[in-house]
Amino acid sequence: MKEVGSVPPSATTASNDGSNMKEEDQLSTKSRIREGWISLTTSVQEGLGYGKAFFVGQTKKLMARNEKEASEADLQAAKMEVDATNAAEDTKKRFK
């Protein structure tokens, strides 16, 4: 005779597998959120670096007394942009 309250063995193992899948889903969700957050902050950091390079370059060009100082300002702005890109790439590599 079957008991009314008994649970078949297949149902018990299925619930354990389901909880393991739920934990894996949570971990993958947390991982995706973390990865997205790192990507966002890195992109914002890179954008701010470009903005800083632009404004520093423009200010120095406006303040330049001769053509040499203006060309030095352009070079410095370009170097700052490269530094911003390199810093963003290093950050992405470090967290991946």
N, C-alpha and C. Protein backbone atom coordinates (compact mmCIF):
# COMPACT_ATOMS: atom_id res chain seq x y z
N MET A 1 0.81 -1.16 0.00
CA MET A 1 0.00 0.00 0.00
C MET A 1 0.87 1.25 0.00
N LYS A 2 0.52 2.28 -0.78
CA LYS A 2 1.30 3.50 -0.86
C LYS A 2 0.88 4.45 0.24
N GLU A 3 1.88 5.16 0.75
CA GLU A 3 1.57 6.19 1.74
C GLU A 3 1.17 7.47 1.01
N VAL A 4 0.24 8.17 1.56
CA VAL A 4 -0.27 9.36 0.93
C VAL A 4 0.76 10.49 0.95
N GLY A 5 1.53 10.63 2.01
CA GLY A 5 2.47 11.74 2.17
C GLY A 5 3.86 11.45 1.64
N SER A 6 4.11 10.28 1.11
CA SER A 6 5.47 9.95 0.68
C SER A 6 5.81 10.63 -0.64
N VAL A 7 7.09 10.93 -0.82
CA VAL A 7 7.57 11.59 -2.02
C VAL A 7 8.43 10.58 -2.78
N PRO A 8 8.17 10.40 -4.06
CA PRO A 8 8.99 9.46 -4.82
C PRO A 8 10.44 9.92 -4.88
N PRO A 9 11.41 8.99 -4.96
CA PRO A 9 12.83 9.36 -4.96
C PRO A 9 13.22 10.26 -6.12
N SER A 10 12.60 10.12 -7.26
CA SER A 10 12.96 10.96 -8.40
C SER A 10 12.61 12.43 -8.14
N ALA A 11 11.56 12.71 -7.42
CA ALA A 11 11.17 14.09 -7.12
C ALA A 11 12.16 14.74 -6.16
N THR A 12 12.71 13.97 -5.23
CA THR A 12 13.67 14.50 -4.27
C THR A 12 14.96 14.91 -4.97
N THR A 13 15.48 14.08 -5.85
CA THR A 13 16.71 14.42 -6.55
C THR A 13 16.50 15.59 -7.51
N ALA A 14 15.34 15.69 -8.09
CA ALA A 14 15.05 16.78 -9.02
C ALA A 14 15.07 18.12 -8.28
N SER A 15 14.56 18.15 -7.05
CA SER A 15 14.55 19.42 -6.32
C SER A 15 15.97 19.83 -5.93
N ASN A 16 16.83 18.87 -5.62
CA ASN A 16 18.22 19.22 -5.30
C ASN A 16 18.93 19.76 -6.52
N ASP A 17 18.70 19.15 -7.67
CA ASP A 17 19.32 19.64 -8.89
C ASP A 17 18.81 21.04 -9.22
N GLY A 18 17.55 21.28 -8.97
CA GLY A 18 16.98 22.60 -9.24
C GLY A 18 17.60 23.67 -8.37
N SER A 19 17.87 23.38 -7.11
CA SER A 19 18.48 24.38 -6.24
C SER A 19 19.91 24.65 -6.66
N ASN A 20 20.62 23.61 -7.12
CA ASN A 20 21.99 23.83 -7.61
C ASN A 20 21.98 24.72 -8.84
N MET A 21 21.02 24.52 -9.71
CA MET A 21 20.91 25.36 -10.90
C MET A 21 20.60 26.80 -10.51
N LYS A 22 19.77 26.96 -9.49
CA LYS A 22 19.42 28.30 -9.04
C LYS A 22 20.66 29.03 -8.53
N GLU A 23 21.52 28.33 -7.77
CA GLU A 23 22.75 28.93 -7.26
C GLU A 23 23.68 29.30 -8.40
N GLU A 24 23.79 28.41 -9.41
CA GLU A 24 24.64 28.70 -10.56
C GLU A 24 24.12 29.91 -11.33
N ASP A 25 22.80 29.99 -11.45
CA ASP A 25 22.21 31.15 -12.14
C ASP A 25 22.51 32.44 -11.38
N GLN A 26 22.43 32.38 -10.04
CA GLN A 26 22.72 33.56 -9.25
C GLN A 26 24.18 33.97 -9.39
N LEU A 27 25.08 32.98 -9.40
CA LEU A 27 26.50 33.28 -9.57
C LEU A 27 26.77 33.88 -10.94
N SER A 28 26.15 33.31 -11.97
CA SER A 28 26.38 33.85 -13.30
C SER A 28 25.77 35.24 -13.43
N THR A 29 24.65 35.47 -12.78
CA THR A 29 24.04 36.80 -12.80
C THR A 29 24.93 37.81 -12.09
N LYS A 30 25.46 37.42 -10.93
CA LYS A 30 26.37 38.31 -10.21
C LYS A 30 27.62 38.58 -11.04
N SER A 31 28.11 37.55 -11.70
CA SER A 31 29.29 37.71 -12.54
C SER A 31 29.02 38.67 -13.69
N ARG A 32 27.86 38.51 -14.33
CA ARG A 32 27.51 39.40 -15.43
C ARG A 32 27.33 40.84 -14.96
N ILE A 33 26.72 41.01 -13.80
CA ILE A 33 26.54 42.36 -13.25
C ILE A 33 27.89 42.98 -12.95
N ARG A 34 28.78 42.22 -12.34
CA ARG A 34 30.11 42.72 -12.01
C ARG A 34 30.87 43.09 -13.28
N GLU A 35 30.81 42.22 -14.28
CA GLU A 35 31.49 42.47 -15.54
C GLU A 35 30.94 43.73 -16.23
N GLY A 36 29.62 43.87 -16.19
CA GLY A 36 29.00 45.06 -16.78
C GLY A 36 29.39 46.33 -16.04
N TRP A 37 29.44 46.25 -14.72
CA TRP A 37 29.81 47.40 -13.91
C TRP A 37 31.25 47.81 -14.19
N ILE A 38 32.14 46.84 -14.29
CA ILE A 38 33.54 47.13 -14.58
C ILE A 38 33.66 47.78 -15.96
N SER A 39 32.92 47.23 -16.91
CA SER A 39 32.96 47.79 -18.26
C SER A 39 32.45 49.23 -18.28
N LEU A 40 31.36 49.48 -17.57
CA LEU A 40 30.80 50.83 -17.51
C LEU A 40 31.76 51.82 -16.87
N THR A 41 32.30 51.46 -15.71
CA THR A 41 33.20 52.38 -15.02
C THR A 41 34.47 52.62 -15.81
N THR A 42 34.95 51.59 -16.50
CA THR A 42 36.14 51.75 -17.32
C THR A 42 35.87 52.69 -18.49
N SER A 43 34.70 52.54 -19.10
CA SER A 43 34.34 53.41 -20.22
C SER A 43 34.17 54.86 -19.76
N VAL A 44 33.57 55.05 -18.60
CA VAL A 44 33.41 56.41 -18.06
C VAL A 44 34.78 57.01 -17.76
N GLN A 45 35.66 56.18 -17.16
CA GLN A 45 37.01 56.65 -16.85
C GLN A 45 37.74 57.06 -18.13
N GLU A 46 37.61 56.26 -19.17
CA GLU A 46 38.26 56.58 -20.44
C GLU A 46 37.68 57.87 -21.03
N GLY A 47 36.37 58.01 -20.98
CA GLY A 47 35.74 59.22 -21.50
C GLY A 47 36.17 60.47 -20.76
N LEU A 48 36.27 60.36 -19.44
CA LEU A 48 36.74 61.51 -18.66
C LEU A 48 38.19 61.84 -18.99
N GLY A 49 38.99 60.82 -19.25
CA GLY A 49 40.38 61.06 -19.64
C GLY A 49 40.47 61.80 -20.97
N TYR A 50 39.60 61.40 -21.92
CA TYR A 50 39.56 62.11 -23.20
C TYR A 50 39.10 63.55 -23.02
N GLY A 51 38.09 63.75 -22.20
CA GLY A 51 37.60 65.10 -21.94
C GLY A 51 38.67 65.98 -21.32
N LYS A 52 39.37 65.41 -20.35
CA LYS A 52 40.46 66.16 -19.70
C LYS A 52 41.53 66.51 -20.72
N ALA A 53 41.90 65.55 -21.57
CA ALA A 53 42.92 65.81 -22.59
C ALA A 53 42.47 66.92 -23.53
N PHE A 54 41.21 66.88 -23.92
CA PHE A 54 40.70 67.90 -24.83
C PHE A 54 40.79 69.30 -24.22
N PHE A 55 40.28 69.43 -22.99
CA PHE A 55 40.25 70.75 -22.37
C PHE A 55 41.64 71.26 -22.02
N VAL A 56 42.52 70.37 -21.57
CA VAL A 56 43.89 70.80 -21.28
C VAL A 56 44.57 71.25 -22.57
N GLY A 57 44.38 70.47 -23.64
CA GLY A 57 44.99 70.83 -24.92
C GLY A 57 44.47 72.15 -25.45
N GLN A 58 43.16 72.34 -25.38
CA GLN A 58 42.58 73.59 -25.89
C GLN A 58 43.03 74.80 -25.07
N THR A 59 43.08 74.62 -23.76
CA THR A 59 43.51 75.73 -22.90
C THR A 59 44.96 76.11 -23.18
N LYS A 60 45.80 75.08 -23.32
CA LYS A 60 47.21 75.38 -23.58
C LYS A 60 47.40 76.01 -24.96
N LYS A 61 46.58 75.59 -25.93
CA LYS A 61 46.67 76.20 -27.26
C LYS A 61 46.25 77.66 -27.22
N LEU A 62 45.21 77.96 -26.46
CA LEU A 62 44.76 79.35 -26.34
C LEU A 62 45.78 80.21 -25.60
N MET A 63 46.48 79.62 -24.66
CA MET A 63 47.45 80.36 -23.87
C MET A 63 48.83 80.41 -24.53
N ALA A 64 48.99 79.67 -25.61
CA ALA A 64 50.30 79.60 -26.28
C ALA A 64 50.70 80.96 -26.84
N ARG A 65 51.96 81.29 -26.67
CA ARG A 65 52.47 82.57 -27.15
C ARG A 65 53.02 82.47 -28.58
N ASN A 66 53.34 81.25 -28.99
CA ASN A 66 53.87 81.08 -30.34
C ASN A 66 53.44 79.71 -30.89
N GLU A 67 53.82 79.45 -32.12
CA GLU A 67 53.41 78.21 -32.80
C GLU A 67 54.01 76.97 -32.14
N LYS A 68 55.20 77.11 -31.62
CA LYS A 68 55.86 75.98 -30.97
C LYS A 68 55.07 75.52 -29.74
N GLU A 69 54.65 76.45 -28.93
CA GLU A 69 53.87 76.11 -27.73
C GLU A 69 52.52 75.49 -28.12
N ALA A 70 51.93 75.96 -29.20
CA ALA A 70 50.66 75.41 -29.66
C ALA A 70 50.83 73.98 -30.14
N SER A 71 51.91 73.70 -30.84
CA SER A 71 52.13 72.33 -31.30
C SER A 71 52.47 71.42 -30.13
N GLU A 72 53.17 71.95 -29.12
CA GLU A 72 53.45 71.16 -27.91
C GLU A 72 52.14 70.84 -27.18
N ALA A 73 51.21 71.76 -27.19
CA ALA A 73 49.91 71.52 -26.55
C ALA A 73 49.15 70.41 -27.28
N ASP A 74 49.21 70.42 -28.61
CA ASP A 74 48.57 69.35 -29.39
C ASP A 74 49.18 67.99 -29.07
N LEU A 75 50.51 67.96 -28.99
CA LEU A 75 51.20 66.71 -28.68
C LEU A 75 50.86 66.21 -27.27
N GLN A 76 50.79 67.14 -26.34
CA GLN A 76 50.46 66.74 -24.97
C GLN A 76 49.03 66.20 -24.89
N ALA A 77 48.11 66.83 -25.61
CA ALA A 77 46.72 66.36 -25.62
C ALA A 77 46.63 64.96 -26.23
N ALA A 78 47.36 64.74 -27.31
CA ALA A 78 47.36 63.41 -27.93
C ALA A 78 47.95 62.37 -26.98
N LYS A 79 49.01 62.73 -26.27
CA LYS A 79 49.63 61.81 -25.31
C LYS A 79 48.66 61.48 -24.18
N MET A 80 47.95 62.48 -23.72
CA MET A 80 46.98 62.26 -22.64
C MET A 80 45.86 61.33 -23.10
N GLU A 81 45.42 61.45 -24.36
CA GLU A 81 44.39 60.56 -24.89
C GLU A 81 44.89 59.12 -24.95
N VAL A 82 46.13 58.95 -25.38
CA VAL A 82 46.72 57.61 -25.43
C VAL A 82 46.83 57.03 -24.02
N ASP A 83 47.25 57.85 -23.07
CA ASP A 83 47.35 57.40 -21.68
C ASP A 83 45.98 56.99 -21.13
N ALA A 84 44.94 57.72 -21.47
CA ALA A 84 43.59 57.38 -21.01
C ALA A 84 43.15 56.04 -21.60
N THR A 85 43.44 55.82 -22.87
CA THR A 85 43.09 54.55 -23.51
C THR A 85 43.86 53.40 -22.89
N ASN A 86 45.16 53.59 -22.67
CA ASN A 86 45.98 52.54 -22.07
C ASN A 86 45.52 52.21 -20.65
N ALA A 87 45.17 53.21 -19.90
CA ALA A 87 44.69 52.97 -18.53
C ALA A 87 43.39 52.18 -18.55
N ALA A 88 42.50 52.51 -19.47
CA ALA A 88 41.23 51.78 -19.56
C ALA A 88 41.46 50.33 -19.97
N GLU A 89 42.34 50.10 -20.92
CA GLU A 89 42.64 48.73 -21.35
C GLU A 89 43.28 47.93 -20.23
N ASP A 90 44.18 48.55 -19.47
CA ASP A 90 44.81 47.87 -18.34
C ASP A 90 43.78 47.48 -17.29
N THR A 91 42.84 48.37 -17.02
CA THR A 91 41.78 48.08 -16.06
C THR A 91 40.92 46.90 -16.53
N LYS A 92 40.55 46.89 -17.80
CA LYS A 92 39.75 45.79 -18.32
C LYS A 92 40.50 44.47 -18.24
N LYS A 93 41.78 44.48 -18.56
CA LYS A 93 42.59 43.25 -18.49
C LYS A 93 42.74 42.76 -17.05
N ARG A 94 42.91 43.70 -16.13
CA ARG A 94 43.12 43.33 -14.74
C ARG A 94 41.91 42.62 -14.13
N PHE A 95 40.72 43.02 -14.54
CA PHE A 95 39.51 42.47 -13.95
C PHE A 95 38.92 41.31 -14.72
N LYS A 96 39.49 40.94 -15.84
CA LYS A 96 38.95 39.81 -16.61
C LYS A 96 39.61 38.53 -16.28
